[in-house]
Amino acid sequence: MEEKQLQLFIASAQLGSFQQAADQQFMSQRVVSKRISNLEDELGTKLFNREKNKIILTTAGHHFLARAMEILNTMQLANYETKQFAPKQQHISVGYFSPFDGALLRSALLSLPSTVNTIIEEKGSEHLISDVLLGRLDCALILQNQDSSQIDQNNLVSLPILESPLVIGANPQYQYLDQTPHLATTLRQLPVIYYSVEESEYLQNIFKVQLGQLASVINMHRVTSYEHMQLLVSLGKALSFYPERLLDQISNPHDAIQYIPLNTHQLSATFVLIYRRDCQNPVVHQLGCQLKSTS
C-alpha cells in the first residue's frame, strides 16, 4: 500500500469520479483506475461500484475511507518527523499529559536553541512512563504519584520541576467550597472530572490519596477534551482540580469558573521530568534546566 494509492483513493471517493481525481492529480483516468484496482486487489475487496459516468463507494469503501485518511496522515507525519533528524543536528522527543504540563513545556522548549529538532507527543501518564522506559521518548513531563516506587524500580530519573497547591474550579454559585460542610455536600452532588487523552487511573489515584476520607464520596471520571471539561465546570455540572501556580497560563476569564483554594484540605501537585538514568541526550538535561528556571 503506497501513499499515492491512498491519495488517489481519497480523491476519487471525495470527488465521485476517477476522471476528476485524475485531473486533480495531473494523471490519466486510466492510470488512476488501474491504481485503485491494484489497491482493491491488495485489500481483497471492492472499494467502488463502477457505474456509467460515476463511481459509488461500497460499504467496505466507506469503512476504508476513514482508515485511509488516518493512515495517510500518519505516513505524512512520520515522513515529516523523520526529516527533522538532519545530520549533526540535536534532537529531543518529549511527552506530556495535559494542558498544564504543556504550558510548562512551551516556554522551556522555546528557550532551546533553534537548531534543536523537537518531536512532542501527548499521552496518558502510564503510556508516557512506558515510552520513556522503552526509549520511544527521550523524556516526559508528568505529575508525580505519591508512590514513586514504579519510577524508581523502572530505572527512571524523576526531576522535580514545579510544586503547586491544587485549587478547585467551580461555577461561582459554589464559592463556599473552602468550608468543609459545603465541600463534602457538593462533592456528593457533582462529579469531579479530569482531562486525559487516554483512559487512565493515574490522576484519580493522585487526587484520592490526598483527599483521604473525602475520596469515598467522590464520583470521579475522565473527559476526553479539555474544552469539554471547562464547559462542564463553568456550567455548574462538575468540579475539577487545577494547579494554582499555572492558572495564569491556562485559565480564560470568559470560562466563568471560580478557582477556590481548599483551606481545609492541603492538596498539591508536583510536576516532574522523567528520563532514563542512562540517558545520553544533552538536550534532555538542557530542557530540565530550562523547565526549572522558567517555572
C-alpha atoms as a PDB file:
ATOM      1  CA  MET A   1       0.000   0.000   0.000  1.00  0.00           C
ATOM      2  CA  GLU A   2       1.558   3.250  -1.185  1.00  0.00           C
ATOM      3  CA  GLU A   3       0.971   6.852  -0.195  1.00  0.00           C
ATOM      4  CA  LYS A   4      -0.001   7.738  -3.783  1.00  0.00           C
ATOM      5  CA  GLN A   5      -2.591   4.945  -3.867  1.00  0.00           C
ATOM      6  CA  LEU A   6      -4.211   6.316  -0.733  1.00  0.00           C
ATOM      7  CA  GLN A   7      -4.195   9.862  -2.121  1.00  0.00           C
ATOM      8  CA  LEU A   8      -5.887   8.684  -5.341  1.00  0.00           C
ATOM      9  CA  PHE A   9      -8.457   6.615  -3.447  1.00  0.00           C
ATOM     10  CA  ILE A  10      -9.371   9.520  -1.151  1.00  0.00           C
ATOM     11  CA  ALA A  11      -9.589  11.979  -4.048  1.00  0.00           C
ATOM     12  CA  SER A  12     -11.756   9.569  -6.078  1.00  0.00           C
ATOM     13  CA  ALA A  13     -14.075   8.978  -3.124  1.00  0.00           C
ATOM     14  CA  GLN A  14     -14.430  12.675  -2.353  1.00  0.00           C
ATOM     15  CA  LEU A  15     -14.931  13.722  -5.984  1.00  0.00           C
ATOM     16  CA  GLY A  16     -17.017  10.700  -7.006  1.00  0.00           C
ATOM     17  CA  SER A  17     -15.048  10.330 -10.219  1.00  0.00           C
ATOM     18  CA  PHE A  18     -11.816   8.719 -11.378  1.00  0.00           C
ATOM     19  CA  GLN A  19     -11.588  11.339 -14.129  1.00  0.00           C
ATOM     20  CA  GLN A  20     -11.848  14.286 -11.723  1.00  0.00           C
ATOM     21  CA  ALA A  21      -9.313  12.644  -9.416  1.00  0.00           C
ATOM     22  CA  ALA A  22      -7.008  12.178 -12.408  1.00  0.00           C
ATOM     23  CA  ASP A  23      -7.387  15.830 -13.414  1.00  0.00           C
ATOM     24  CA  GLN A  24      -6.649  16.926  -9.836  1.00  0.00           C
ATOM     25  CA  GLN A  25      -3.522  14.761  -9.674  1.00  0.00           C
ATOM     26  CA  PHE A  26      -2.389  15.566 -13.255  1.00  0.00           C
ATOM     27  CA  MET A  27      -2.672  11.925 -14.325  1.00  0.00           C
ATOM     28  CA  SER A  28      -4.680   9.979 -16.864  1.00  0.00           C
ATOM     29  CA  GLN A  29      -8.010   8.458 -15.859  1.00  0.00           C
ATOM     30  CA  ARG A  30      -6.706   5.035 -16.930  1.00  0.00           C
ATOM     31  CA  VAL A  31      -3.747   5.240 -14.520  1.00  0.00           C
ATOM     32  CA  VAL A  32      -5.983   6.252 -11.618  1.00  0.00           C
ATOM     33  CA  SER A  33      -8.426   3.421 -12.321  1.00  0.00           C
ATOM     34  CA  LYS A  34      -5.557   0.927 -12.514  1.00  0.00           C
ATOM     35  CA  ARG A  35      -4.016   2.127  -9.214  1.00  0.00           C
ATOM     36  CA  ILE A  36      -7.391   1.817  -7.461  1.00  0.00           C
ATOM     37  CA  SER A  37      -7.883  -1.688  -8.902  1.00  0.00           C
ATOM     38  CA  ASN A  38      -4.456  -2.694  -7.586  1.00  0.00           C
ATOM     39  CA  LEU A  39      -5.432  -1.338  -4.158  1.00  0.00           C
ATOM     40  CA  GLU A  40      -8.651  -3.378  -4.222  1.00  0.00           C
ATOM     41  CA  ASP A  41      -6.689  -6.487  -5.173  1.00  0.00           C
ATOM     42  CA  GLU A  42      -4.293  -5.869  -2.278  1.00  0.00           C
ATOM     43  CA  LEU A  43      -7.172  -5.435   0.182  1.00  0.00           C
ATOM     44  CA  GLY A  44      -9.152  -8.326  -1.292  1.00  0.00           C
ATOM     45  CA  THR A  45     -12.404  -6.346  -1.568  1.00  0.00           C
ATOM     46  CA  LYS A  46     -14.142  -3.871  -3.858  1.00  0.00           C
ATOM     47  CA  LEU A  47     -13.992  -0.259  -2.745  1.00  0.00           C
ATOM     48  CA  PHE A  48     -16.139   1.194  -5.534  1.00  0.00           C
ATOM     49  CA  ASN A  49     -19.124   0.095  -7.559  1.00  0.00           C
ATOM     50  CA  ARG A  50     -18.440   1.289 -11.108  1.00  0.00           C
ATOM     51  CA  GLU A  51     -21.481   2.666 -12.919  1.00  0.00           C
ATOM     52  CA  LYS A  52     -21.755   4.644 -16.131  1.00  0.00           C
ATOM     53  CA  ASN A  53     -20.126   8.046 -15.636  1.00  0.00           C
ATOM     54  CA  LYS A  54     -19.906   7.636 -11.855  1.00  0.00           C
ATOM     55  CA  ILE A  55     -18.413   5.568  -9.069  1.00  0.00           C
ATOM     56  CA  ILE A  56     -20.051   4.784  -5.719  1.00  0.00           C
ATOM     57  CA  LEU A  57     -18.272   3.658  -2.556  1.00  0.00           C
ATOM     58  CA  THR A  58     -19.144   0.185  -1.351  1.00  0.00           C
ATOM     59  CA  THR A  59     -19.758  -0.500   2.346  1.00  0.00           C
ATOM     60  CA  ALA A  60     -16.138  -1.627   2.598  1.00  0.00           C
ATOM     61  CA  GLY A  61     -15.097   1.524   0.720  1.00  0.00           C
ATOM     62  CA  HIS A  62     -16.892   3.769   3.224  1.00  0.00           C
ATOM     63  CA  HIS A  63     -15.149   1.985   6.088  1.00  0.00           C
ATOM     64  CA  PHE A  64     -11.752   2.129   4.415  1.00  0.00           C
ATOM     65  CA  LEU A  65     -12.077   5.849   3.580  1.00  0.00           C
ATOM     66  CA  ALA A  66     -11.846   6.849   7.248  1.00  0.00           C
ATOM     67  CA  ARG A  67      -8.935   4.455   7.793  1.00  0.00           C
ATOM     68  CA  ALA A  68      -7.174   5.634   4.634  1.00  0.00           C
ATOM     69  CA  MET A  69      -7.273   9.243   5.825  1.00  0.00           C
ATOM     70  CA  GLU A  70      -5.819   8.182   9.194  1.00  0.00           C
ATOM     71  CA  ILE A  71      -3.107   6.075   7.525  1.00  0.00           C
ATOM     72  CA  LEU A  72      -2.184   8.862   5.103  1.00  0.00           C
ATOM     73  CA  ASN A  73      -1.981  11.382   7.913  1.00  0.00           C
ATOM     74  CA  THR A  74       0.246   9.023   9.933  1.00  0.00           C
ATOM     75  CA  MET A  75       2.506   8.388   6.923  1.00  0.00           C
ATOM     76  CA  GLN A  76       2.879  12.114   6.208  1.00  0.00           C
ATOM     77  CA  LEU A  77       3.549  12.891   9.874  1.00  0.00           C
ATOM     78  CA  ALA A  78       6.169  10.120  10.086  1.00  0.00           C
ATOM     79  CA  ASN A  79       7.792  11.445   6.921  1.00  0.00           C
ATOM     80  CA  TYR A  80       7.903  14.965   8.359  1.00  0.00           C
ATOM     81  CA  GLU A  81       9.288  13.803  11.707  1.00  0.00           C
ATOM     82  CA  THR A  82      11.980  11.685  10.045  1.00  0.00           C
ATOM     83  CA  LYS A  83      13.166  14.655   8.015  1.00  0.00           C
ATOM     84  CA  GLN A  84      13.634  16.626  11.240  1.00  0.00           C
ATOM     85  CA  PHE A  85      16.608  14.441  12.159  1.00  0.00           C
ATOM     86  CA  ALA A  86      19.105  16.130   9.891  1.00  0.00           C
ATOM     87  CA  PRO A  87      22.750  15.059  10.271  1.00  0.00           C
ATOM     88  CA  LYS A  88      24.723  16.787  13.045  1.00  0.00           C
ATOM     89  CA  GLN A  89      21.605  18.446  14.499  1.00  0.00           C
ATOM     90  CA  GLN A  90      20.448  17.893  18.070  1.00  0.00           C
ATOM     91  CA  HIS A  91      17.018  16.479  18.696  1.00  0.00           C
ATOM     92  CA  ILE A  92      14.657  15.609  21.508  1.00  0.00           C
ATOM     93  CA  SER A  93      11.370  13.708  21.748  1.00  0.00           C
ATOM     94  CA  VAL A  94       9.269  14.755  24.719  1.00  0.00           C
ATOM     95  CA  GLY A  95       5.833  13.766  26.014  1.00  0.00           C
ATOM     96  CA  TYR A  96       3.260  15.480  28.193  1.00  0.00           C
ATOM     97  CA  PHE A  97      -0.170  14.506  29.510  1.00  0.00           C
ATOM     98  CA  SER A  98      -2.266  17.670  29.959  1.00  0.00           C
ATOM     99  CA  PRO A  99      -2.555  21.391  29.119  1.00  0.00           C
ATOM    100  CA  PHE A 100      -0.968  22.155  32.493  1.00  0.00           C
ATOM    101  CA  ASP A 101       2.364  20.488  31.818  1.00  0.00           C
ATOM    102  CA  GLY A 102       2.018  21.552  28.190  1.00  0.00           C
ATOM    103  CA  ALA A 103       2.059  25.151  29.435  1.00  0.00           C
ATOM    104  CA  LEU A 104       5.221  24.411  31.402  1.00  0.00           C
ATOM    105  CA  LEU A 105       6.862  22.827  28.374  1.00  0.00           C
ATOM    106  CA  ARG A 106       6.023  25.661  25.994  1.00  0.00           C
ATOM    107  CA  SER A 107       8.321  28.322  27.383  1.00  0.00           C
ATOM    108  CA  ALA A 108      11.115  25.826  28.119  1.00  0.00           C
ATOM    109  CA  LEU A 109      11.078  24.416  24.582  1.00  0.00           C
ATOM    110  CA  LEU A 110      11.059  27.927  23.114  1.00  0.00           C
ATOM    111  CA  SER A 111      14.214  28.640  25.109  1.00  0.00           C
ATOM    112  CA  LEU A 112      16.138  25.793  23.463  1.00  0.00           C
ATOM    113  CA  PRO A 113      18.425  26.640  20.518  1.00  0.00           C
ATOM    114  CA  SER A 114      16.579  26.892  17.199  1.00  0.00           C
ATOM    115  CA  THR A 115      18.835  24.137  15.819  1.00  0.00           C
ATOM    116  CA  VAL A 116      17.226  21.555  18.135  1.00  0.00           C
ATOM    117  CA  ASN A 117      14.627  19.435  16.348  1.00  0.00           C
ATOM    118  CA  THR A 118      11.704  18.648  18.637  1.00  0.00           C
ATOM    119  CA  ILE A 119       9.023  15.963  18.485  1.00  0.00           C
ATOM    120  CA  ILE A 120       6.184  16.353  21.005  1.00  0.00           C
ATOM    121  CA  GLU A 121       3.532  13.792  21.961  1.00  0.00           C
ATOM    122  CA  GLU A 122       0.500  13.945  24.247  1.00  0.00           C
ATOM    123  CA  LYS A 123      -0.349  10.671  26.002  1.00  0.00           C
ATOM    124  CA  GLY A 124      -1.630   9.272  29.284  1.00  0.00           C
ATOM    125  CA  SER A 125       0.818   9.178  32.185  1.00  0.00           C
ATOM    126  CA  GLU A 126       1.179   5.388  32.223  1.00  0.00           C
ATOM    127  CA  HIS A 127       1.857   5.417  28.483  1.00  0.00           C
ATOM    128  CA  LEU A 128       4.476   8.161  28.869  1.00  0.00           C
ATOM    129  CA  ILE A 129       6.300   6.235  31.588  1.00  0.00           C
ATOM    130  CA  SER A 130       6.478   3.090  29.452  1.00  0.00           C
ATOM    131  CA  ASP A 131       7.533   5.032  26.329  1.00  0.00           C
ATOM    132  CA  VAL A 132      10.411   6.708  28.175  1.00  0.00           C
ATOM    133  CA  LEU A 133      11.434   3.381  29.681  1.00  0.00           C
ATOM    134  CA  LEU A 134      11.413   1.737  26.240  1.00  0.00           C
ATOM    135  CA  GLY A 135      13.356   4.601  24.662  1.00  0.00           C
ATOM    136  CA  ARG A 136      10.494   5.710  22.405  1.00  0.00           C
ATOM    137  CA  LEU A 137      10.622   9.116  24.092  1.00  0.00           C
ATOM    138  CA  ASP A 138      13.680  10.864  25.498  1.00  0.00           C
ATOM    139  CA  CYS A 139      11.706  12.337  28.386  1.00  0.00           C
ATOM    140  CA  ALA A 140       8.223  13.273  29.578  1.00  0.00           C
ATOM    141  CA  LEU A 141       6.630  15.764  31.943  1.00  0.00           C
ATOM    142  CA  ILE A 142       4.087  14.155  34.264  1.00  0.00           C
ATOM    143  CA  LEU A 143       2.522  14.536  37.681  1.00  0.00           C
ATOM    144  CA  GLN A 144       4.370  12.709  40.430  1.00  0.00           C
ATOM    145  CA  ASN A 145       2.374   9.958  42.045  1.00  0.00           C
ATOM    146  CA  GLN A 146       2.533   9.639  45.838  1.00  0.00           C
ATOM    147  CA  ASP A 147       4.071   6.222  45.330  1.00  0.00           C
ATOM    148  CA  SER A 148       7.198   6.885  43.259  1.00  0.00           C
ATOM    149  CA  SER A 149       8.413   3.281  43.539  1.00  0.00           C
ATOM    150  CA  GLN A 150       7.254   2.480  39.993  1.00  0.00           C
ATOM    151  CA  ILE A 151       9.597   5.104  38.561  1.00  0.00           C
ATOM    152  CA  ASP A 152      12.462   4.126  40.864  1.00  0.00           C
ATOM    153  CA  GLN A 153      12.124   0.450  40.030  1.00  0.00           C
ATOM    154  CA  ASN A 154      11.967   1.196  36.322  1.00  0.00           C
ATOM    155  CA  ASN A 155      15.367   2.882  36.336  1.00  0.00           C
ATOM    156  CA  LEU A 156      13.968   6.327  35.557  1.00  0.00           C
ATOM    157  CA  VAL A 157      15.133   9.665  36.931  1.00  0.00           C
ATOM    158  CA  SER A 158      12.340  11.844  38.303  1.00  0.00           C
ATOM    159  CA  LEU A 159      13.448  15.503  38.297  1.00  0.00           C
ATOM    160  CA  PRO A 160      11.106  17.803  40.303  1.00  0.00           C
ATOM    161  CA  ILE A 161      10.103  20.832  38.201  1.00  0.00           C
ATOM    162  CA  LEU A 162       7.189  22.560  39.913  1.00  0.00           C
ATOM    163  CA  GLU A 163       5.120  22.022  43.044  1.00  0.00           C
ATOM    164  CA  SER A 164       1.811  23.811  43.251  1.00  0.00           C
ATOM    165  CA  PRO A 165      -1.204  23.822  45.574  1.00  0.00           C
ATOM    166  CA  LEU A 166      -4.335  22.480  43.921  1.00  0.00           C
ATOM    167  CA  VAL A 167      -7.457  24.624  43.819  1.00  0.00           C
ATOM    168  CA  ILE A 168     -10.924  23.506  42.883  1.00  0.00           C
ATOM    169  CA  GLY A 169     -12.645  25.006  39.867  1.00  0.00           C
ATOM    170  CA  ALA A 170     -16.385  25.527  40.055  1.00  0.00           C
ATOM    171  CA  ASN A 171     -19.263  27.678  38.902  1.00  0.00           C
ATOM    172  CA  PRO A 172     -19.368  30.856  41.082  1.00  0.00           C
ATOM    173  CA  GLN A 173     -22.533  29.572  42.814  1.00  0.00           C
ATOM    174  CA  TYR A 174     -20.244  27.151  44.687  1.00  0.00           C
ATOM    175  CA  GLN A 175     -17.985  29.855  46.128  1.00  0.00           C
ATOM    176  CA  TYR A 176     -18.136  28.415  49.659  1.00  0.00           C
ATOM    177  CA  LEU A 177     -16.368  25.173  48.795  1.00  0.00           C
ATOM    178  CA  ASP A 178     -13.449  26.088  51.053  1.00  0.00           C
ATOM    179  CA  GLN A 179     -15.657  25.299  54.034  1.00  0.00           C
ATOM    180  CA  THR A 180     -15.722  21.619  54.951  1.00  0.00           C
ATOM    181  CA  PRO A 181     -19.524  21.057  55.182  1.00  0.00           C
ATOM    182  CA  HIS A 182     -20.089  22.750  51.816  1.00  0.00           C
ATOM    183  CA  LEU A 183     -17.234  20.811  50.216  1.00  0.00           C
ATOM    184  CA  ALA A 184     -18.475  17.384  51.338  1.00  0.00           C
ATOM    185  CA  THR A 185     -22.052  18.183  50.320  1.00  0.00           C
ATOM    186  CA  THR A 186     -21.060  19.496  46.895  1.00  0.00           C
ATOM    187  CA  LEU A 187     -18.741  16.554  46.228  1.00  0.00           C
ATOM    188  CA  ARG A 188     -21.724  14.265  46.777  1.00  0.00           C
ATOM    189  CA  GLN A 189     -23.806  16.304  44.328  1.00  0.00           C
ATOM    190  CA  LEU A 190     -21.382  16.953  41.489  1.00  0.00           C
ATOM    191  CA  PRO A 191     -18.860  14.714  39.744  1.00  0.00           C
ATOM    192  CA  VAL A 192     -15.170  15.598  39.826  1.00  0.00           C
ATOM    193  CA  ILE A 193     -13.803  15.402  36.310  1.00  0.00           C
ATOM    194  CA  TYR A 194     -10.294  15.398  34.918  1.00  0.00           C
ATOM    195  CA  TYR A 195      -8.883  15.547  31.410  1.00  0.00           C
ATOM    196  CA  SER A 196      -6.708  12.823  29.946  1.00  0.00           C
ATOM    197  CA  VAL A 197      -6.181  11.949  26.292  1.00  0.00           C
ATOM    198  CA  GLU A 198      -6.175   8.233  27.216  1.00  0.00           C
ATOM    199  CA  GLU A 199      -8.058   6.081  29.706  1.00  0.00           C
ATOM    200  CA  SER A 200      -6.106   6.359  32.942  1.00  0.00           C
ATOM    201  CA  GLU A 201      -6.478   5.908  36.695  1.00  0.00           C
ATOM    202  CA  TYR A 202      -3.206   7.704  37.360  1.00  0.00           C
ATOM    203  CA  LEU A 203      -4.757  11.100  38.148  1.00  0.00           C
ATOM    204  CA  GLN A 204      -7.637   9.549  40.077  1.00  0.00           C
ATOM    205  CA  ASN A 205      -5.180   7.854  42.397  1.00  0.00           C
ATOM    206  CA  ILE A 206      -3.263  11.108  42.997  1.00  0.00           C
ATOM    207  CA  PHE A 207      -6.415  13.010  43.938  1.00  0.00           C
ATOM    208  CA  LYS A 208      -7.956  10.257  46.036  1.00  0.00           C
ATOM    209  CA  VAL A 209      -4.810   9.692  48.110  1.00  0.00           C
ATOM    210  CA  GLN A 210      -4.705  13.375  49.028  1.00  0.00           C
ATOM    211  CA  LEU A 211      -8.445  13.689  49.686  1.00  0.00           C
ATOM    212  CA  GLY A 212      -8.392  10.902  52.260  1.00  0.00           C
ATOM    213  CA  GLN A 213     -11.864  10.099  53.624  1.00  0.00           C
ATOM    214  CA  LEU A 214     -13.479  12.601  51.271  1.00  0.00           C
ATOM    215  CA  ALA A 215     -12.474  10.342  48.395  1.00  0.00           C
ATOM    216  CA  SER A 216     -15.203   7.879  49.376  1.00  0.00           C
ATOM    217  CA  VAL A 217     -17.951  10.355  48.444  1.00  0.00           C
ATOM    218  CA  ILE A 218     -16.450  11.423  45.114  1.00  0.00           C
ATOM    219  CA  ASN A 219     -17.754  10.397  41.721  1.00  0.00           C
ATOM    220  CA  MET A 220     -14.630  10.967  39.642  1.00  0.00           C
ATOM    221  CA  HIS A 221     -14.356  10.339  35.927  1.00  0.00           C
ATOM    222  CA  ARG A 222     -12.362  11.298  32.863  1.00  0.00           C
ATOM    223  CA  VAL A 223     -13.314  13.511  29.928  1.00  0.00           C
ATOM    224  CA  THR A 224     -11.512  13.385  26.597  1.00  0.00           C
ATOM    225  CA  SER A 225     -11.442  17.120  25.843  1.00  0.00           C
ATOM    226  CA  TYR A 226     -10.033  19.958  27.943  1.00  0.00           C
ATOM    227  CA  GLU A 227     -12.569  22.351  26.396  1.00  0.00           C
ATOM    228  CA  HIS A 228     -15.385  19.985  27.381  1.00  0.00           C
ATOM    229  CA  MET A 229     -14.044  19.851  30.940  1.00  0.00           C
ATOM    230  CA  GLN A 230     -14.010  23.650  31.167  1.00  0.00           C
ATOM    231  CA  LEU A 231     -17.534  23.876  29.757  1.00  0.00           C
ATOM    232  CA  LEU A 232     -18.953  21.387  32.277  1.00  0.00           C
ATOM    233  CA  VAL A 233     -17.251  23.165  35.189  1.00  0.00           C
ATOM    234  CA  SER A 234     -18.369  26.631  34.088  1.00  0.00           C
ATOM    235  CA  LEU A 235     -21.990  25.449  33.721  1.00  0.00           C
ATOM    236  CA  GLY A 236     -22.008  24.047  37.242  1.00  0.00           C
ATOM    237  CA  LYS A 237     -22.279  20.460  36.019  1.00  0.00           C
ATOM    238  CA  ALA A 238     -18.978  19.298  37.516  1.00  0.00           C
ATOM    239  CA  LEU A 239     -15.919  20.252  39.553  1.00  0.00           C
ATOM    240  CA  SER A 240     -12.245  19.874  38.712  1.00  0.00           C
ATOM    241  CA  PHE A 241      -8.810  20.375  40.272  1.00  0.00           C
ATOM    242  CA  TYR A 242      -6.242  22.846  38.927  1.00  0.00           C
ATOM    243  CA  PRO A 243      -2.608  23.687  39.834  1.00  0.00           C
ATOM    244  CA  GLU A 244      -2.769  27.197  41.286  1.00  0.00           C
ATOM    245  CA  ARG A 245       0.661  28.292  40.025  1.00  0.00           C
ATOM    246  CA  LEU A 246      -0.322  27.601  36.415  1.00  0.00           C
ATOM    247  CA  LEU A 247      -3.720  29.316  36.413  1.00  0.00           C
ATOM    248  CA  ASP A 248      -2.383  32.466  34.760  1.00  0.00           C
ATOM    249  CA  GLN A 249      -1.221  30.331  31.822  1.00  0.00           C
ATOM    250  CA  ILE A 250      -4.275  28.134  31.325  1.00  0.00           C
ATOM    251  CA  SER A 251      -7.319  29.992  32.707  1.00  0.00           C
ATOM    252  CA  ASN A 252      -9.639  32.006  30.496  1.00  0.00           C
ATOM    253  CA  PRO A 253     -11.646  34.865  32.074  1.00  0.00           C
ATOM    254  CA  HIS A 254     -14.535  34.004  29.747  1.00  0.00           C
ATOM    255  CA  ASP A 255     -14.844  30.489  31.189  1.00  0.00           C
ATOM    256  CA  ALA A 256     -16.948  31.748  34.131  1.00  0.00           C
ATOM    257  CA  ILE A 257     -15.041  29.481  36.513  1.00  0.00           C
ATOM    258  CA  GLN A 258     -14.077  30.440  40.042  1.00  0.00           C
ATOM    259  CA  TYR A 259     -10.856  28.862  41.306  1.00  0.00           C
ATOM    260  CA  ILE A 260     -11.199  28.285  45.032  1.00  0.00           C
ATOM    261  CA  PRO A 261      -8.338  27.412  47.437  1.00  0.00           C
ATOM    262  CA  LEU A 262      -9.242  24.494  49.678  1.00  0.00           C
ATOM    263  CA  ASN A 263      -8.112  25.781  53.053  1.00  0.00           C
ATOM    264  CA  THR A 264      -9.433  22.698  54.829  1.00  0.00           C
ATOM    265  CA  HIS A 265      -7.542  20.248  52.603  1.00  0.00           C
ATOM    266  CA  GLN A 266      -3.962  20.886  51.543  1.00  0.00           C
ATOM    267  CA  LEU A 267      -3.839  19.329  48.093  1.00  0.00           C
ATOM    268  CA  SER A 268      -0.815  19.734  45.854  1.00  0.00           C
ATOM    269  CA  ALA A 269       0.598  18.662  42.509  1.00  0.00           C
ATOM    270  CA  THR A 270       4.257  18.054  41.749  1.00  0.00           C
ATOM    271  CA  PHE A 271       5.321  18.084  38.104  1.00  0.00           C
ATOM    272  CA  VAL A 272       8.408  16.014  37.316  1.00  0.00           C
ATOM    273  CA  LEU A 273      10.521  15.429  34.239  1.00  0.00           C
ATOM    274  CA  ILE A 274      11.258  11.734  33.807  1.00  0.00           C
ATOM    275  CA  TYR A 275      14.026  10.215  31.694  1.00  0.00           C
ATOM    276  CA  ARG A 276      16.169   7.087  31.726  1.00  0.00           C
ATOM    277  CA  ARG A 277      19.131   7.005  34.096  1.00  0.00           C
ATOM    278  CA  ASP A 278      21.383   6.095  31.180  1.00  0.00           C
ATOM    279  CA  CYS A 279      20.113   8.986  29.019  1.00  0.00           C
ATOM    280  CA  GLN A 280      22.972  10.424  26.951  1.00  0.00           C
ATOM    281  CA  ASN A 281      20.984  13.139  25.156  1.00  0.00           C
ATOM    282  CA  PRO A 282      22.365  16.525  26.325  1.00  0.00           C
ATOM    283  CA  VAL A 283      19.180  18.298  25.206  1.00  0.00           C
ATOM    284  CA  VAL A 284      17.210  16.435  27.886  1.00  0.00           C
ATOM    285  CA  HIS A 285      19.396  17.973  30.568  1.00  0.00           C
ATOM    286  CA  GLN A 286      19.121  21.383  28.866  1.00  0.00           C
ATOM    287  CA  LEU A 287      15.352  21.043  28.909  1.00  0.00           C
ATOM    288  CA  GLY A 288      15.380  20.112  32.598  1.00  0.00           C
ATOM    289  CA  CYS A 289      17.396  23.235  33.436  1.00  0.00           C
ATOM    290  CA  GLN A 290      15.087  25.430  31.341  1.00  0.00           C
ATOM    291  CA  LEU A 291      11.995  23.948  32.986  1.00  0.00           C
ATOM    292  CA  LYS A 292      13.320  24.614  36.469  1.00  0.00           C
ATOM    293  CA  SER A 293      14.383  28.170  35.598  1.00  0.00           C
ATOM    294  CA  THR A 294      11.095  29.130  33.943  1.00  0.00           C
ATOM    295  CA  SER A 295       8.669  27.506  36.415  1.00  0.00           C
END
